[in-house]
Protein backbone atom coordinates (compact mmCIF):
# COMPACT_ATOMS: atom_id res chain seq x y z
CA UNK A 1 -17.00 2.44 16.29
CA UNK A 2 -14.89 5.87 16.56
CA UNK A 3 -14.68 8.30 13.15
CA UNK A 4 -11.16 9.11 12.42
CA UNK A 5 -10.09 11.15 9.44
CA UNK A 6 -6.46 10.81 7.71
CA UNK A 7 -5.67 13.60 5.41
CA UNK A 8 -2.98 13.84 3.17
CA UNK A 9 -1.64 17.26 2.12
CA UNK A 10 0.84 18.26 -1.00
CA UNK A 11 3.36 19.79 -1.92
CA UNK A 12 1.69 23.10 -3.41
CA UNK A 13 -0.45 23.67 -0.93
CA UNK A 14 2.43 23.51 1.47
CA UNK A 15 4.14 26.48 -0.97
CA UNK A 16 1.25 28.73 -0.56
CA UNK A 17 1.37 30.43 2.64
CA UNK A 18 -2.36 32.26 2.00
CA UNK A 19 -3.91 28.80 1.58
CA UNK A 20 -2.02 26.69 4.00
CA UNK A 21 -3.57 28.68 6.58
CA UNK A 22 -7.19 28.59 5.69
CA UNK A 23 -6.60 24.86 4.97
CA UNK A 24 -5.27 24.06 8.70
CA UNK A 25 -7.75 26.39 10.13
CA UNK A 26 -10.29 24.14 8.20
CA UNK A 27 -8.35 20.93 9.91
CA UNK A 28 -8.36 22.59 12.74
CA UNK A 29 -11.72 22.47 13.18
CA UNK A 30 -12.47 18.89 12.49
CA UNK A 31 -14.04 17.39 15.69
CA UNK A 32 -12.78 13.67 16.96
CA UNK A 33 -9.24 11.53 15.39
CA UNK A 34 -7.92 13.23 13.04
CA UNK A 35 -4.25 12.73 11.29
CA UNK A 36 -2.20 14.80 8.85
CA UNK A 37 0.07 13.44 6.05
CA UNK A 38 2.07 16.23 4.58
CA UNK A 39 4.70 15.92 1.36
CA UNK A 40 7.38 17.82 0.27
CA UNK A 41 7.40 21.35 -1.16
CA UNK A 42 9.32 22.95 -3.77
CA UNK A 43 11.76 24.21 -0.44
CA UNK A 44 13.85 21.10 -1.54
CA UNK A 45 14.21 21.76 -4.72
CA UNK A 46 15.36 24.94 -4.16
CA UNK A 47 17.93 24.12 -1.40
CA UNK A 48 19.76 21.15 -3.73
CA UNK A 49 19.87 23.74 -6.47
CA UNK A 50 21.48 26.29 -4.00
CA UNK A 51 23.94 23.59 -2.53
CA UNK A 52 24.81 22.46 -6.67
CA UNK A 53 22.90 18.89 -5.75
CA UNK A 54 21.79 17.51 -9.04
CA UNK A 55 18.05 16.18 -8.69
CA UNK A 56 17.29 13.11 -10.85
CA UNK A 57 13.79 11.89 -11.30
CA UNK A 58 12.54 8.91 -13.14
CA UNK A 59 8.77 8.28 -14.30
CA UNK A 60 8.14 11.10 -11.77
CA UNK A 61 10.02 9.65 -9.01
CA UNK A 62 12.78 10.65 -7.37
CA UNK A 63 16.25 9.47 -6.97
CA UNK A 64 17.25 10.13 -3.50
CA UNK A 65 20.80 9.52 -2.76
CA UNK A 66 23.03 10.36 0.05
CA UNK A 67 23.38 14.16 -0.02
CA UNK A 68 19.30 14.86 -1.41
CA UNK A 69 18.12 12.55 1.79
CA UNK A 70 19.97 14.90 4.04
CA UNK A 71 18.66 17.61 2.55
CA UNK A 72 14.86 16.09 2.04
CA UNK A 73 15.27 15.05 5.76
CA UNK A 74 15.94 18.58 6.69
CA UNK A 75 13.41 20.17 4.90
CA UNK A 76 10.19 17.42 5.31
CA UNK A 77 10.64 16.22 8.62
CA UNK A 78 12.48 19.31 9.96
CA UNK A 79 11.28 22.53 8.68
CA UNK A 80 8.05 21.78 7.34
CA UNK A 81 6.53 19.18 9.64
CA UNK A 82 7.99 21.49 12.48
CA UNK A 83 5.83 24.68 11.15
CA UNK A 84 3.21 22.80 10.44
CA UNK A 85 2.84 21.70 13.88
CA UNK A 86 3.75 25.39 15.39
CA UNK A 87 0.67 26.75 13.12
CA UNK A 88 -1.79 24.02 14.10
CA UNK A 89 -1.32 24.60 18.14
CA UNK A 90 -1.86 28.21 17.20
CA UNK A 91 -5.40 26.93 15.91
CA UNK A 92 -5.52 25.29 19.15
CA UNK A 93 -5.23 21.85 17.78
CA UNK A 94 -2.77 19.67 19.63
CA UNK A 95 -0.65 18.09 17.13
CA UNK A 96 2.36 16.06 17.39
CA UNK A 97 5.07 15.71 14.61
CA UNK A 98 6.79 13.01 13.66
CA UNK A 99 9.14 11.08 10.67
CA UNK A 100 8.38 6.73 10.65
CA UNK A 101 11.65 6.51 12.58
CA UNK A 102 10.01 8.30 15.76
CA UNK A 103 8.94 5.68 17.81
CA UNK A 104 9.48 2.65 15.13
CA UNK A 105 6.24 4.06 13.40
CA UNK A 106 6.15 3.67 10.26
CA UNK A 107 9.00 0.99 9.28
CA UNK A 108 10.01 0.56 5.69
CA UNK A 109 12.14 -1.52 3.00
CA UNK A 110 14.39 -0.25 0.65
CA UNK A 111 12.74 -0.50 -2.86
CA UNK A 112 13.86 -2.99 -4.97
CA UNK A 113 13.94 -2.25 -8.71
CA UNK A 114 15.34 -4.76 -11.50
CA UNK A 115 17.10 -2.06 -13.20
CA UNK A 116 17.04 1.43 -11.31
CA UNK A 117 18.69 1.88 -7.95
CA UNK A 118 16.47 4.60 -6.31
CA UNK A 119 18.66 5.06 -3.47
CA UNK A 120 17.23 5.74 -0.46
CA UNK A 121 13.57 5.56 -1.12
CA UNK A 122 11.48 3.40 1.11
CA UNK A 123 8.47 1.30 0.60
CA UNK A 124 6.23 0.40 2.88
CA UNK A 125 3.03 -2.01 3.70
CA UNK A 126 0.27 -2.36 5.96
CA UNK A 127 2.50 -4.57 8.49
CA UNK A 128 4.85 -1.25 8.54
CA UNK A 129 2.22 0.57 10.71
CA UNK A 130 3.04 0.23 14.50
CA UNK A 131 -0.98 0.90 14.90
CA UNK A 132 -0.83 0.05 18.45
CA UNK A 133 0.76 3.19 19.06
CA UNK A 134 -0.73 5.45 16.56
CA UNK A 135 -4.23 4.60 18.79
CA UNK A 136 -2.58 5.00 21.98
CA UNK A 137 -1.41 8.87 20.67
CA UNK A 138 -5.09 9.13 19.48
CA UNK A 139 -6.35 8.23 22.98
CA UNK A 140 -4.39 10.70 24.60
CA UNK A 141 -6.01 13.46 22.24
CA UNK A 142 -3.44 14.18 20.35
CA UNK A 143 -3.18 14.94 16.53
CA UNK A 144 -0.06 13.37 14.48
CA UNK A 145 1.44 14.96 11.69
CA UNK A 146 3.58 12.72 9.36
CA UNK A 147 6.64 13.75 6.69
CA UNK A 148 7.15 11.68 4.64
CA UNK A 149 10.77 10.00 6.49
CA UNK A 150 10.53 6.60 7.08
CA UNK A 151 13.10 3.82 8.14
CA UNK A 152 14.21 0.68 8.47
CA UNK A 153 15.34 -0.16 12.31
CA UNK A 154 18.96 -0.02 10.76
CA UNK A 155 19.84 2.97 11.31
CA UNK A 156 18.81 4.52 7.39
CA UNK A 157 16.37 6.98 6.49
CA UNK A 158 14.13 6.62 3.48
CA UNK A 159 12.26 9.24 1.50
CA UNK A 160 9.27 7.65 0.99
CA UNK A 161 6.06 8.65 -1.06
CA UNK A 162 3.30 10.81 1.06
CA UNK A 163 0.21 9.11 -1.13
CA UNK A 164 1.01 5.89 0.08
CA UNK A 165 1.87 6.56 3.84
CA UNK A 166 -1.73 8.51 4.24
CA UNK A 167 -3.13 5.22 2.41
CA UNK A 168 -0.55 2.49 4.24
CA UNK A 169 -2.02 4.22 7.41
CA UNK A 170 -5.30 4.47 7.07
CA UNK A 171 -5.12 0.18 5.59
CA UNK A 172 -3.83 -0.45 8.92
CA UNK A 173 -6.12 1.84 11.02
CA UNK A 174 -9.55 0.63 9.29
CA UNK A 175 -9.73 -1.97 11.17
CA UNK A 176 -10.03 0.18 14.62
CA UNK A 177 -11.64 3.52 13.21
CA UNK A 178 -14.93 4.31 10.73
CA UNK A 179 -11.98 5.42 8.76
CA UNK A 180 -12.39 8.61 5.93
CA UNK A 181 -9.20 9.19 4.18
CA UNK A 182 -9.04 12.48 1.99
CA UNK A 183 -6.46 13.14 -0.79
CA UNK A 184 -6.44 17.03 -1.04
CA UNK A 185 -4.97 19.08 -3.78
CA UNK A 186 -5.56 21.88 -5.67
CA UNK A 187 -8.55 19.94 -8.56
CA UNK A 188 -11.91 19.53 -7.58
CA UNK A 189 -11.03 16.05 -7.55
CA UNK A 190 -10.38 13.75 -10.97
CA UNK A 191 -11.47 16.26 -13.72
CA UNK A 192 -12.63 14.39 -16.96
CA UNK A 193 -11.29 16.76 -19.06
CA UNK A 194 -7.84 18.36 -17.29
CA UNK A 195 -8.70 21.74 -18.80
CA UNK A 196 -11.87 22.31 -17.22
CA UNK A 197 -12.14 22.72 -13.36
CA UNK A 198 -15.62 21.60 -13.10
CA UNK A 199 -15.77 18.40 -15.56
CA UNK A 200 -14.77 16.04 -11.74
CA UNK A 201 -16.60 12.83 -11.96
CA UNK A 202 -18.99 12.47 -8.31
CA UNK A 203 -17.42 8.73 -8.22
CA UNK A 204 -14.20 7.09 -10.05
CA UNK A 205 -13.82 3.00 -10.38
CA UNK A 206 -10.89 0.98 -11.34
CA UNK A 207 -13.26 0.09 -14.96
CA UNK A 208 -12.91 3.66 -15.53
CA UNK A 209 -10.14 4.47 -14.15
CA UNK A 210 -8.38 2.49 -16.30
CA UNK A 211 -9.93 4.17 -19.20
CA UNK A 212 -9.22 7.87 -18.45
CA UNK A 213 -5.62 6.30 -18.32
CA UNK A 214 -5.63 4.48 -21.30
CA UNK A 215 -7.11 7.43 -23.27
CA UNK A 216 -4.56 9.94 -22.11
CA UNK A 217 -6.78 12.05 -19.80
CA UNK A 218 -4.97 11.61 -16.42
CA UNK A 219 -2.29 14.31 -15.45
CA UNK A 220 0.36 12.20 -14.47
CA UNK A 221 0.31 13.94 -10.86
CA UNK A 222 -3.24 12.51 -9.80
CA UNK A 223 -2.03 9.08 -10.41
CA UNK A 224 -0.05 7.87 -7.37
CA UNK A 225 -3.23 9.78 -5.64
CA UNK A 226 -5.47 7.46 -7.71
CA UNK A 227 -3.34 4.50 -7.23
CA UNK A 228 -3.18 4.23 -3.53
CA UNK A 229 -6.64 5.51 -3.02
CA UNK A 230 -7.78 2.28 -4.95
CA UNK A 231 -5.52 -0.06 -2.56
CA UNK A 232 -7.02 1.74 0.59
CA UNK A 233 -10.32 1.39 -0.62
CA UNK A 234 -9.98 -1.91 -1.56
CA UNK A 235 -8.27 -3.16 1.91
CA UNK A 236 -11.20 -1.86 4.19
CA UNK A 237 -11.28 2.19 4.36
CA UNK A 238 -14.24 2.56 4.43
CA UNK A 239 -14.27 6.09 2.50
CA UNK A 240 -11.51 7.83 0.18
CA UNK A 241 -11.87 10.69 -1.43
CA UNK A 242 -9.78 13.15 -3.91
CA UNK A 243 -10.86 17.11 -3.00
CA UNK A 244 -10.08 20.48 -3.79
CA UNK A 245 -7.76 21.48 -0.52
CA UNK A 246 -10.46 24.73 -0.46
CA UNK A 247 -13.63 22.62 0.90
CA UNK A 248 -12.20 20.39 3.60
CA UNK A 249 -15.07 21.94 5.91
CA UNK A 250 -17.71 21.25 3.65
CA UNK A 251 -16.24 17.71 3.02
CA UNK A 252 -16.41 16.80 6.58
CA UNK A 253 -19.65 18.41 6.81
CA UNK A 254 -21.54 17.14 3.71
CA UNK A 255 -19.56 14.50 2.50
CA UNK A 256 -20.41 15.42 -1.44
CA UNK A 257 -17.21 17.22 -1.95
CA UNK A 258 -14.56 15.73 -4.54
CA UNK A 259 -14.33 12.06 -6.33
CA UNK A 260 -15.39 9.11 -4.26
CA UNK A 261 -13.51 6.39 -4.62
CA UNK A 262 -15.99 3.34 -5.16
CA UNK A 263 -15.08 -0.56 -5.95
């Protein structure tokens, strides 16, 4: 079975031009099938501030009204996505950028919540993924680059969590590839002590995750990554890691960086 690397990066890396350049150089060197999924950065928030569009967060999740949706679509699916594709092309990596609406690649449903209206926020599952088209794109020798914008096939766009997109694509394609999912961020993995960058766990399972969470030892920003990582691992993805974005090449070559998700 062919190997497939699915790699997710976040806004902190996107906002750091030097670090992003180094990362994309490493990504471009990965041989074989690969997919890049990216979140946003500070640009959307900065633009919203300039336009005086108030941003509302509830438990770390953004309420996406119509005005905010316009901003994140322009920034995520437009500027950031095409900037990443252009930079990858400069490294000889034949990338092609997508939102979920393109080719009906990722179809979402509006998030339903008993007491909160999240606006234009979309949730997805494995059936949301147009795996046949993704496989055809990969077979053409192209490298898909996905923004965190999806659609409902009724003319509506949605803001969707990029960690969820990465995990769900990995699940959908794990039946056809030997899939490795890497969540790349600015830490060395899951830290036992959030004040000590060298305290990363080599492996973590559900019970250990629950214990660390209940003890308040995990930074809130890592929780959605871990949630999606465990869901992916439990649904057929062969290998799932949380790694430092600076160590991508070492992980690809040696496979022992960061924290591995275990059942």
